[in-house]
């Protein structure tokens, strides 16, 4: 009797595990997220988070619904600076080349490599990047080789300086909180202030200056009137298949492999605080 009960319990547990796996797989297969506003797209730049073990670059298959038309696209979301993501993400020491209007750095190389590995030629692209991620999004969208291989439709940047004036393919949308100082950290602030100050969308969140660089772009109250690609009053939506989302580390150093990778973090409010190490 005991053996029969044990066998019955075992079979029941196995059945439940198989059922859970099936349901989990089914949920994953139907993991379509409707994004109707700019804060919804911003979420993908923050979930590409090296401090929790995900790479700073994410690529997802999606459908862009804009102007009554549906287009298959790839959403490329790029995380901003993480100074405690040693040797893997957009570590601070790599920022200078982008800030000084450089055209190639470790982060752009990682993005280009991830695109070639994941995205078929002639695909439609939507970039989304926060801070330094928005800067390198502009740089990649200005790369002539990338332009030859892909159709870049939109680049939506959150709290990012202008670094590639009149060079990007697609429509550039820079969302900059009034009290966010990071968008001014570019040579264009001095060499072409009209472009730097005028070519952006400005709203203001009632938070402390500095902190808005992270908090503002989550806010539906502040940015809810901007559609999924950063156009105020626009009607663009993204339907993102999160079951296809793939994360990639950056910077990528050609010819090297990761032998060790570790991370630890806690979430304080909307921010992940911690450390990540890769070598």
C-alpha atoms as a PDB file:
ATOM      1  CA  UNK A   1       0.000   0.000   0.000  1.00  0.00           C
ATOM      2  CA  UNK A   2       2.786   2.371   0.963  1.00  0.00           C
ATOM      3  CA  UNK A   3       4.612   1.609  -2.285  1.00  0.00           C
ATOM      4  CA  UNK A   4       1.456   2.332  -4.264  1.00  0.00           C
ATOM      5  CA  UNK A   5       0.954   5.638  -2.414  1.00  0.00           C
ATOM      6  CA  UNK A   6       4.570   6.585  -2.995  1.00  0.00           C
ATOM      7  CA  UNK A   7       4.235   5.757  -6.681  1.00  0.00           C
ATOM      8  CA  UNK A   8       0.988   7.740  -6.890  1.00  0.00           C
ATOM      9  CA  UNK A   9       2.554  10.769  -5.188  1.00  0.00           C
ATOM     10  CA  UNK A  10       5.584  10.535  -7.474  1.00  0.00           C
ATOM     11  CA  UNK A  11       3.406  10.337 -10.580  1.00  0.00           C
ATOM     12  CA  UNK A  12       1.322  13.251  -9.367  1.00  0.00           C
ATOM     13  CA  UNK A  13       4.418  15.385  -8.775  1.00  0.00           C
ATOM     14  CA  UNK A  14       5.805  14.496 -12.205  1.00  0.00           C
ATOM     15  CA  UNK A  15       2.462  15.327 -13.820  1.00  0.00           C
ATOM     16  CA  UNK A  16       2.312  18.673 -12.011  1.00  0.00           C
ATOM     17  CA  UNK A  17       5.869  19.507 -13.061  1.00  0.00           C
ATOM     18  CA  UNK A  18       5.095  18.644 -16.678  1.00  0.00           C
ATOM     19  CA  UNK A  19       1.918  20.720 -16.519  1.00  0.00           C
ATOM     20  CA  UNK A  20       3.802  23.697 -15.084  1.00  0.00           C
ATOM     21  CA  UNK A  21       6.481  23.373 -17.754  1.00  0.00           C
ATOM     22  CA  UNK A  22       3.804  23.236 -20.450  1.00  0.00           C
ATOM     23  CA  UNK A  23       2.005  26.259 -19.051  1.00  0.00           C
ATOM     24  CA  UNK A  24       5.290  28.136 -18.682  1.00  0.00           C
ATOM     25  CA  UNK A  25       6.237  27.269 -22.262  1.00  0.00           C
ATOM     26  CA  UNK A  26       2.802  28.293 -23.501  1.00  0.00           C
ATOM     27  CA  UNK A  27       2.986  31.583 -21.603  1.00  0.00           C
ATOM     28  CA  UNK A  28       6.418  32.224 -23.051  1.00  0.00           C
ATOM     29  CA  UNK A  29       5.220  31.467 -26.563  1.00  0.00           C
ATOM     30  CA  UNK A  30       2.496  34.081 -26.137  1.00  0.00           C
ATOM     31  CA  UNK A  31       4.557  36.683 -24.284  1.00  0.00           C
ATOM     32  CA  UNK A  32       3.415  39.599 -26.437  1.00  0.00           C
ATOM     33  CA  UNK A  33       3.652  42.939 -24.651  1.00  0.00           C
ATOM     34  CA  UNK A  34       1.722  45.907 -26.022  1.00  0.00           C
ATOM     35  CA  UNK A  35       3.721  49.111 -25.612  1.00  0.00           C
ATOM     36  CA  UNK A  36       1.692  52.280 -26.122  1.00  0.00           C
ATOM     37  CA  UNK A  37       3.899  54.986 -24.639  1.00  0.00           C
ATOM     38  CA  UNK A  38       7.526  56.055 -24.292  1.00  0.00           C
ATOM     39  CA  UNK A  39       7.836  54.851 -20.663  1.00  0.00           C
ATOM     40  CA  UNK A  40       6.812  51.379 -21.837  1.00  0.00           C
ATOM     41  CA  UNK A  41       9.704  51.306 -24.299  1.00  0.00           C
ATOM     42  CA  UNK A  42      12.055  52.737 -21.660  1.00  0.00           C
ATOM     43  CA  UNK A  43      11.429  49.618 -19.556  1.00  0.00           C
ATOM     44  CA  UNK A  44      13.346  47.504 -22.060  1.00  0.00           C
ATOM     45  CA  UNK A  45      16.442  49.704 -21.693  1.00  0.00           C
ATOM     46  CA  UNK A  46      16.355  49.112 -17.946  1.00  0.00           C
ATOM     47  CA  UNK A  47      15.708  45.386 -18.079  1.00  0.00           C
ATOM     48  CA  UNK A  48      18.871  44.993 -20.134  1.00  0.00           C
ATOM     49  CA  UNK A  49      20.588  45.188 -16.751  1.00  0.00           C
ATOM     50  CA  UNK A  50      24.071  43.719 -16.171  1.00  0.00           C
ATOM     51  CA  UNK A  51      23.757  44.064 -12.404  1.00  0.00           C
ATOM     52  CA  UNK A  52      21.116  41.323 -12.376  1.00  0.00           C
ATOM     53  CA  UNK A  53      22.913  39.052 -14.812  1.00  0.00           C
ATOM     54  CA  UNK A  54      21.439  40.291 -18.081  1.00  0.00           C
ATOM     55  CA  UNK A  55      23.584  41.947 -20.709  1.00  0.00           C
ATOM     56  CA  UNK A  56      23.367  45.676 -21.417  1.00  0.00           C
ATOM     57  CA  UNK A  57      21.985  44.986 -24.924  1.00  0.00           C
ATOM     58  CA  UNK A  58      18.649  43.346 -25.605  1.00  0.00           C
ATOM     59  CA  UNK A  59      17.154  42.407 -28.972  1.00  0.00           C
ATOM     60  CA  UNK A  60      13.485  41.474 -29.332  1.00  0.00           C
ATOM     61  CA  UNK A  61      11.228  40.722 -32.261  1.00  0.00           C
ATOM     62  CA  UNK A  62       8.237  43.044 -32.422  1.00  0.00           C
ATOM     63  CA  UNK A  63       5.564  44.574 -34.600  1.00  0.00           C
ATOM     64  CA  UNK A  64       5.429  48.339 -35.029  1.00  0.00           C
ATOM     65  CA  UNK A  65       1.919  49.633 -35.615  1.00  0.00           C
ATOM     66  CA  UNK A  66       2.157  53.163 -36.945  1.00  0.00           C
ATOM     67  CA  UNK A  67      -0.067  55.168 -39.246  1.00  0.00           C
ATOM     68  CA  UNK A  68      -2.460  52.270 -39.721  1.00  0.00           C
ATOM     69  CA  UNK A  69       0.289  49.912 -40.887  1.00  0.00           C
ATOM     70  CA  UNK A  70       1.976  46.968 -39.192  1.00  0.00           C
ATOM     71  CA  UNK A  71       5.670  46.364 -39.773  1.00  0.00           C
ATOM     72  CA  UNK A  72       7.837  43.567 -38.369  1.00  0.00           C
ATOM     73  CA  UNK A  73      10.744  45.139 -36.497  1.00  0.00           C
ATOM     74  CA  UNK A  74      13.538  44.306 -34.126  1.00  0.00           C
ATOM     75  CA  UNK A  75      13.628  46.387 -30.950  1.00  0.00           C
ATOM     76  CA  UNK A  76      17.207  46.967 -29.793  1.00  0.00           C
ATOM     77  CA  UNK A  77      17.271  48.315 -26.227  1.00  0.00           C
ATOM     78  CA  UNK A  78      20.476  49.676 -24.726  1.00  0.00           C
ATOM     79  CA  UNK A  79      21.252  50.247 -21.059  1.00  0.00           C
ATOM     80  CA  UNK A  80      22.968  53.366 -19.788  1.00  0.00           C
ATOM     81  CA  UNK A  81      26.201  53.637 -17.819  1.00  0.00           C
ATOM     82  CA  UNK A  82      26.833  51.200 -14.995  1.00  0.00           C
ATOM     83  CA  UNK A  83      30.149  52.087 -13.387  1.00  0.00           C
ATOM     84  CA  UNK A  84      30.021  48.957 -11.231  1.00  0.00           C
ATOM     85  CA  UNK A  85      29.592  46.601 -14.190  1.00  0.00           C
ATOM     86  CA  UNK A  86      33.273  45.796 -14.509  1.00  0.00           C
ATOM     87  CA  UNK A  87      34.448  44.426 -17.814  1.00  0.00           C
ATOM     88  CA  UNK A  88      31.042  43.767 -19.306  1.00  0.00           C
ATOM     89  CA  UNK A  89      28.492  46.539 -19.650  1.00  0.00           C
ATOM     90  CA  UNK A  90      28.855  50.166 -20.652  1.00  0.00           C
ATOM     91  CA  UNK A  91      31.457  50.759 -17.983  1.00  0.00           C
ATOM     92  CA  UNK A  92      32.209  54.446 -17.426  1.00  0.00           C
ATOM     93  CA  UNK A  93      35.692  54.395 -18.917  1.00  0.00           C
ATOM     94  CA  UNK A  94      34.181  53.701 -22.339  1.00  0.00           C
ATOM     95  CA  UNK A  95      31.978  56.812 -22.291  1.00  0.00           C
ATOM     96  CA  UNK A  96      34.559  59.355 -23.369  1.00  0.00           C
ATOM     97  CA  UNK A  97      34.724  58.400 -27.043  1.00  0.00           C
ATOM     98  CA  UNK A  98      30.965  58.745 -27.427  1.00  0.00           C
ATOM     99  CA  UNK A  99      30.835  61.969 -25.430  1.00  0.00           C
ATOM    100  CA  UNK A 100      33.465  63.484 -27.699  1.00  0.00           C
ATOM    101  CA  UNK A 101      31.467  62.473 -30.777  1.00  0.00           C
ATOM    102  CA  UNK A 102      33.560  59.386 -31.459  1.00  0.00           C
ATOM    103  CA  UNK A 103      32.137  56.939 -33.949  1.00  0.00           C
ATOM    104  CA  UNK A 104      33.393  53.613 -32.616  1.00  0.00           C
ATOM    105  CA  UNK A 105      33.866  52.216 -29.135  1.00  0.00           C
ATOM    106  CA  UNK A 106      33.514  48.909 -27.314  1.00  0.00           C
ATOM    107  CA  UNK A 107      29.776  49.331 -26.904  1.00  0.00           C
ATOM    108  CA  UNK A 108      29.064  50.074 -30.585  1.00  0.00           C
ATOM    109  CA  UNK A 109      31.146  47.061 -31.579  1.00  0.00           C
ATOM    110  CA  UNK A 110      29.119  44.881 -29.224  1.00  0.00           C
ATOM    111  CA  UNK A 111      25.850  46.164 -30.679  1.00  0.00           C
ATOM    112  CA  UNK A 112      26.954  45.617 -34.268  1.00  0.00           C
ATOM    113  CA  UNK A 113      28.135  42.111 -33.413  1.00  0.00           C
ATOM    114  CA  UNK A 114      24.832  41.261 -31.682  1.00  0.00           C
ATOM    115  CA  UNK A 115      22.850  42.587 -34.644  1.00  0.00           C
ATOM    116  CA  UNK A 116      24.788  40.525 -37.162  1.00  0.00           C
ATOM    117  CA  UNK A 117      24.402  37.424 -34.995  1.00  0.00           C
ATOM    118  CA  UNK A 118      20.658  37.833 -34.402  1.00  0.00           C
ATOM    119  CA  UNK A 119      18.973  39.975 -37.046  1.00  0.00           C
ATOM    120  CA  UNK A 120      18.531  39.040 -40.734  1.00  0.00           C
ATOM    121  CA  UNK A 121      19.733  41.482 -43.368  1.00  0.00           C
ATOM    122  CA  UNK A 122      17.226  44.138 -44.515  1.00  0.00           C
ATOM    123  CA  UNK A 123      15.201  43.893 -41.283  1.00  0.00           C
ATOM    124  CA  UNK A 124      13.495  46.957 -39.798  1.00  0.00           C
ATOM    125  CA  UNK A 125      15.086  48.350 -36.652  1.00  0.00           C
ATOM    126  CA  UNK A 126      13.872  50.451 -33.725  1.00  0.00           C
ATOM    127  CA  UNK A 127      16.545  51.561 -31.263  1.00  0.00           C
ATOM    128  CA  UNK A 128      15.827  52.597 -27.674  1.00  0.00           C
ATOM    129  CA  UNK A 129      18.611  53.762 -25.385  1.00  0.00           C
ATOM    130  CA  UNK A 130      18.966  55.442 -22.028  1.00  0.00           C
ATOM    131  CA  UNK A 131      21.766  57.957 -21.404  1.00  0.00           C
ATOM    132  CA  UNK A 132      25.011  56.512 -22.826  1.00  0.00           C
ATOM    133  CA  UNK A 133      22.880  53.789 -24.424  1.00  0.00           C
ATOM    134  CA  UNK A 134      21.083  56.494 -26.415  1.00  0.00           C
ATOM    135  CA  UNK A 135      24.395  57.976 -27.467  1.00  0.00           C
ATOM    136  CA  UNK A 136      25.705  54.711 -28.882  1.00  0.00           C
ATOM    137  CA  UNK A 137      22.304  54.050 -30.480  1.00  0.00           C
ATOM    138  CA  UNK A 138      22.857  57.254 -32.458  1.00  0.00           C
ATOM    139  CA  UNK A 139      26.364  56.147 -33.367  1.00  0.00           C
ATOM    140  CA  UNK A 140      25.225  52.748 -34.614  1.00  0.00           C
ATOM    141  CA  UNK A 141      22.369  54.364 -36.561  1.00  0.00           C
ATOM    142  CA  UNK A 142      24.970  56.644 -38.168  1.00  0.00           C
ATOM    143  CA  UNK A 143      27.214  53.732 -39.185  1.00  0.00           C
ATOM    144  CA  UNK A 144      27.119  53.404 -42.981  1.00  0.00           C
ATOM    145  CA  UNK A 145      27.684  49.635 -42.889  1.00  0.00           C
ATOM    146  CA  UNK A 146      24.725  49.193 -40.521  1.00  0.00           C
ATOM    147  CA  UNK A 147      22.647  51.462 -42.767  1.00  0.00           C
ATOM    148  CA  UNK A 148      23.463  49.267 -45.772  1.00  0.00           C
ATOM    149  CA  UNK A 149      22.365  46.097 -43.985  1.00  0.00           C
ATOM    150  CA  UNK A 150      19.254  47.267 -42.089  1.00  0.00           C
ATOM    151  CA  UNK A 151      16.316  49.675 -42.304  1.00  0.00           C
ATOM    152  CA  UNK A 152      16.480  51.905 -39.237  1.00  0.00           C
ATOM    153  CA  UNK A 153      13.083  53.452 -38.580  1.00  0.00           C
ATOM    154  CA  UNK A 154      13.342  55.160 -35.181  1.00  0.00           C
ATOM    155  CA  UNK A 155      15.913  55.963 -32.506  1.00  0.00           C
ATOM    156  CA  UNK A 156      14.311  56.964 -29.208  1.00  0.00           C
ATOM    157  CA  UNK A 157      16.760  58.273 -26.620  1.00  0.00           C
ATOM    158  CA  UNK A 158      16.065  58.937 -22.949  1.00  0.00           C
ATOM    159  CA  UNK A 159      18.263  61.540 -21.268  1.00  0.00           C
ATOM    160  CA  UNK A 160      20.914  61.329 -24.002  1.00  0.00           C
ATOM    161  CA  UNK A 161      23.073  64.037 -25.557  1.00  0.00           C
ATOM    162  CA  UNK A 162      23.055  64.652 -29.292  1.00  0.00           C
ATOM    163  CA  UNK A 163      26.195  63.050 -30.727  1.00  0.00           C
ATOM    164  CA  UNK A 164      25.476  62.374 -34.407  1.00  0.00           C
ATOM    165  CA  UNK A 165      23.743  65.388 -35.854  1.00  0.00           C
ATOM    166  CA  UNK A 166      22.217  64.801 -39.311  1.00  0.00           C
ATOM    167  CA  UNK A 167      23.976  61.441 -39.693  1.00  0.00           C
ATOM    168  CA  UNK A 168      21.552  58.858 -38.366  1.00  0.00           C
ATOM    169  CA  UNK A 169      19.223  56.816 -40.524  1.00  0.00           C
ATOM    170  CA  UNK A 170      15.650  56.941 -39.281  1.00  0.00           C
ATOM    171  CA  UNK A 171      13.881  59.455 -37.060  1.00  0.00           C
ATOM    172  CA  UNK A 172      15.712  60.542 -33.927  1.00  0.00           C
ATOM    173  CA  UNK A 173      13.584  61.334 -30.865  1.00  0.00           C
ATOM    174  CA  UNK A 174      15.426  62.655 -27.796  1.00  0.00           C
ATOM    175  CA  UNK A 175      13.358  62.781 -24.616  1.00  0.00           C
ATOM    176  CA  UNK A 176      15.064  64.996 -22.061  1.00  0.00           C
ATOM    177  CA  UNK A 177      13.727  66.006 -18.671  1.00  0.00           C
ATOM    178  CA  UNK A 178      14.100  69.731 -18.045  1.00  0.00           C
ATOM    179  CA  UNK A 179      16.182  69.034 -14.938  1.00  0.00           C
ATOM    180  CA  UNK A 180      18.294  66.257 -16.454  1.00  0.00           C
ATOM    181  CA  UNK A 181      21.834  67.568 -16.936  1.00  0.00           C
ATOM    182  CA  UNK A 182      23.257  64.553 -18.803  1.00  0.00           C
ATOM    183  CA  UNK A 183      21.883  65.569 -22.252  1.00  0.00           C
ATOM    184  CA  UNK A 184      24.224  68.570 -22.224  1.00  0.00           C
ATOM    185  CA  UNK A 185      27.371  66.421 -21.944  1.00  0.00           C
ATOM    186  CA  UNK A 186      28.417  66.693 -25.570  1.00  0.00           C
ATOM    187  CA  UNK A 187      30.616  68.958 -27.656  1.00  0.00           C
ATOM    188  CA  UNK A 188      27.500  70.108 -29.554  1.00  0.00           C
ATOM    189  CA  UNK A 189      26.521  72.079 -26.457  1.00  0.00           C
ATOM    190  CA  UNK A 190      29.420  74.370 -27.322  1.00  0.00           C
ATOM    191  CA  UNK A 191      29.847  73.934 -31.068  1.00  0.00           C
ATOM    192  CA  UNK A 192      26.183  73.844 -32.117  1.00  0.00           C
ATOM    193  CA  UNK A 193      23.939  74.816 -29.194  1.00  0.00           C
ATOM    194  CA  UNK A 194      20.908  75.316 -31.473  1.00  0.00           C
ATOM    195  CA  UNK A 195      20.975  71.663 -32.491  1.00  0.00           C
ATOM    196  CA  UNK A 196      21.694  70.449 -28.989  1.00  0.00           C
ATOM    197  CA  UNK A 197      19.006  72.500 -27.242  1.00  0.00           C
ATOM    198  CA  UNK A 198      16.284  72.602 -29.882  1.00  0.00           C
ATOM    199  CA  UNK A 199      16.345  69.094 -31.310  1.00  0.00           C
ATOM    200  CA  UNK A 200      14.751  67.419 -28.287  1.00  0.00           C
ATOM    201  CA  UNK A 201      11.473  66.971 -26.442  1.00  0.00           C
ATOM    202  CA  UNK A 202      11.359  68.467 -22.964  1.00  0.00           C
ATOM    203  CA  UNK A 203       9.070  67.714 -20.036  1.00  0.00           C
ATOM    204  CA  UNK A 204       9.658  68.131 -16.320  1.00  0.00           C
ATOM    205  CA  UNK A 205       9.130  65.705 -13.472  1.00  0.00           C
ATOM    206  CA  UNK A 206       8.897  67.048  -9.931  1.00  0.00           C
ATOM    207  CA  UNK A 207      11.945  65.182  -8.628  1.00  0.00           C
ATOM    208  CA  UNK A 208      15.356  66.268  -7.432  1.00  0.00           C
ATOM    209  CA  UNK A 209      17.704  67.375 -10.236  1.00  0.00           C
ATOM    210  CA  UNK A 210      20.042  64.488 -11.064  1.00  0.00           C
ATOM    211  CA  UNK A 211      17.714  61.744  -9.897  1.00  0.00           C
ATOM    212  CA  UNK A 212      15.361  62.582 -12.751  1.00  0.00           C
ATOM    213  CA  UNK A 213      17.962  61.114 -15.085  1.00  0.00           C
ATOM    214  CA  UNK A 214      16.641  57.711 -14.030  1.00  0.00           C
ATOM    215  CA  UNK A 215      13.182  58.327 -12.613  1.00  0.00           C
ATOM    216  CA  UNK A 216      11.620  60.740 -15.101  1.00  0.00           C
ATOM    217  CA  UNK A 217      11.475  58.403 -18.075  1.00  0.00           C
ATOM    218  CA  UNK A 218       9.467  55.782 -16.183  1.00  0.00           C
ATOM    219  CA  UNK A 219       6.711  58.292 -15.505  1.00  0.00           C
ATOM    220  CA  UNK A 220       3.455  58.018 -17.436  1.00  0.00           C
ATOM    221  CA  UNK A 221       2.402  61.340 -15.872  1.00  0.00           C
ATOM    222  CA  UNK A 222       5.437  63.027 -17.445  1.00  0.00           C
ATOM    223  CA  UNK A 223       5.892  61.143 -20.726  1.00  0.00           C
ATOM    224  CA  UNK A 224       2.582  59.334 -21.234  1.00  0.00           C
ATOM    225  CA  UNK A 225       1.629  61.635 -24.126  1.00  0.00           C
ATOM    226  CA  UNK A 226       4.603  60.314 -26.106  1.00  0.00           C
ATOM    227  CA  UNK A 227       4.010  57.166 -28.135  1.00  0.00           C
ATOM    228  CA  UNK A 228       6.127  54.010 -28.163  1.00  0.00           C
ATOM    229  CA  UNK A 229       8.794  55.588 -30.402  1.00  0.00           C
ATOM    230  CA  UNK A 230       8.933  58.917 -28.568  1.00  0.00           C
ATOM    231  CA  UNK A 231       6.622  61.136 -30.660  1.00  0.00           C
ATOM    232  CA  UNK A 232       4.397  63.481 -28.672  1.00  0.00           C
ATOM    233  CA  UNK A 233       0.789  62.923 -29.675  1.00  0.00           C
ATOM    234  CA  UNK A 234       1.815  60.064 -31.943  1.00  0.00           C
ATOM    235  CA  UNK A 235      -0.029  56.786 -32.369  1.00  0.00           C
ATOM    236  CA  UNK A 236       2.829  54.310 -32.720  1.00  0.00           C
ATOM    237  CA  UNK A 237       2.600  51.112 -30.704  1.00  0.00           C
ATOM    238  CA  UNK A 238       5.009  48.241 -30.317  1.00  0.00           C
ATOM    239  CA  UNK A 239       3.914  44.657 -29.843  1.00  0.00           C
ATOM    240  CA  UNK A 240       7.027  43.020 -28.421  1.00  0.00           C
ATOM    241  CA  UNK A 241       7.404  39.257 -28.335  1.00  0.00           C
ATOM    242  CA  UNK A 242       9.366  38.936 -25.110  1.00  0.00           C
ATOM    243  CA  UNK A 243       9.842  35.205 -25.662  1.00  0.00           C
ATOM    244  CA  UNK A 244      12.363  36.213 -28.363  1.00  0.00           C
ATOM    245  CA  UNK A 245      14.333  38.649 -26.187  1.00  0.00           C
ATOM    246  CA  UNK A 246      18.040  37.911 -26.153  1.00  0.00           C
ATOM    247  CA  UNK A 247      20.617  39.695 -24.002  1.00  0.00           C
ATOM    248  CA  UNK A 248      24.208  40.438 -24.955  1.00  0.00           C
ATOM    249  CA  UNK A 249      27.120  41.674 -22.888  1.00  0.00           C
ATOM    250  CA  UNK A 250      29.170  44.737 -23.703  1.00  0.00           C
ATOM    251  CA  UNK A 251      31.868  45.694 -24.290  1.00  0.00           C
ATOM    252  CA  UNK A 252      32.755  42.922 -26.652  1.00  0.00           C
ATOM    253  CA  UNK A 253      36.463  42.336 -27.217  1.00  0.00           C
ATOM    254  CA  UNK A 254      37.091  40.370 -30.386  1.00  0.00           C
ATOM    255  CA  UNK A 255      38.855  37.059 -29.881  1.00  0.00           C
ATOM    256  CA  UNK A 256      38.192  36.762 -26.156  1.00  0.00           C
ATOM    257  CA  UNK A 257      35.858  34.560 -24.151  1.00  0.00           C
ATOM    258  CA  UNK A 258      34.237  35.068 -20.785  1.00  0.00           C
ATOM    259  CA  UNK A 259      35.833  32.763 -18.225  1.00  0.00           C
ATOM    260  CA  UNK A 260      34.183  34.199 -15.134  1.00  0.00           C
ATOM    261  CA  UNK A 261      31.017  36.183 -14.587  1.00  0.00           C
ATOM    262  CA  UNK A 262      29.281  37.153 -11.360  1.00  0.00           C
ATOM    263  CA  UNK A 263      26.805  39.722 -10.150  1.00  0.00           C
ATOM    264  CA  UNK A 264      24.920  40.801  -7.047  1.00  0.00           C
ATOM    265  CA  UNK A 265      22.387  43.569  -6.592  1.00  0.00           C
ATOM    266  CA  UNK A 266      19.404  44.826  -4.657  1.00  0.00           C
ATOM    267  CA  UNK A 267      16.569  46.958  -5.928  1.00  0.00           C
ATOM    268  CA  UNK A 268      16.073  50.318  -4.221  1.00  0.00           C
ATOM    269  CA  UNK A 269      12.945  51.937  -5.554  1.00  0.00           C
ATOM    270  CA  UNK A 270      13.194  51.595  -9.331  1.00  0.00           C
ATOM    271  CA  UNK A 271      16.992  51.250  -9.398  1.00  0.00           C
ATOM    272  CA  UNK A 272      19.188  48.176  -9.195  1.00  0.00           C
ATOM    273  CA  UNK A 273      22.232  48.794  -7.022  1.00  0.00           C
ATOM    274  CA  UNK A 274      25.100  46.336  -7.014  1.00  0.00           C
ATOM    275  CA  UNK A 275      28.144  45.037  -8.810  1.00  0.00           C
ATOM    276  CA  UNK A 276      28.869  42.832 -11.822  1.00  0.00           C
ATOM    277  CA  UNK A 277      32.219  41.389 -12.836  1.00  0.00           C
ATOM    278  CA  UNK A 278      33.222  39.696 -16.065  1.00  0.00           C
ATOM    279  CA  UNK A 279      36.608  38.632 -17.365  1.00  0.00           C
END
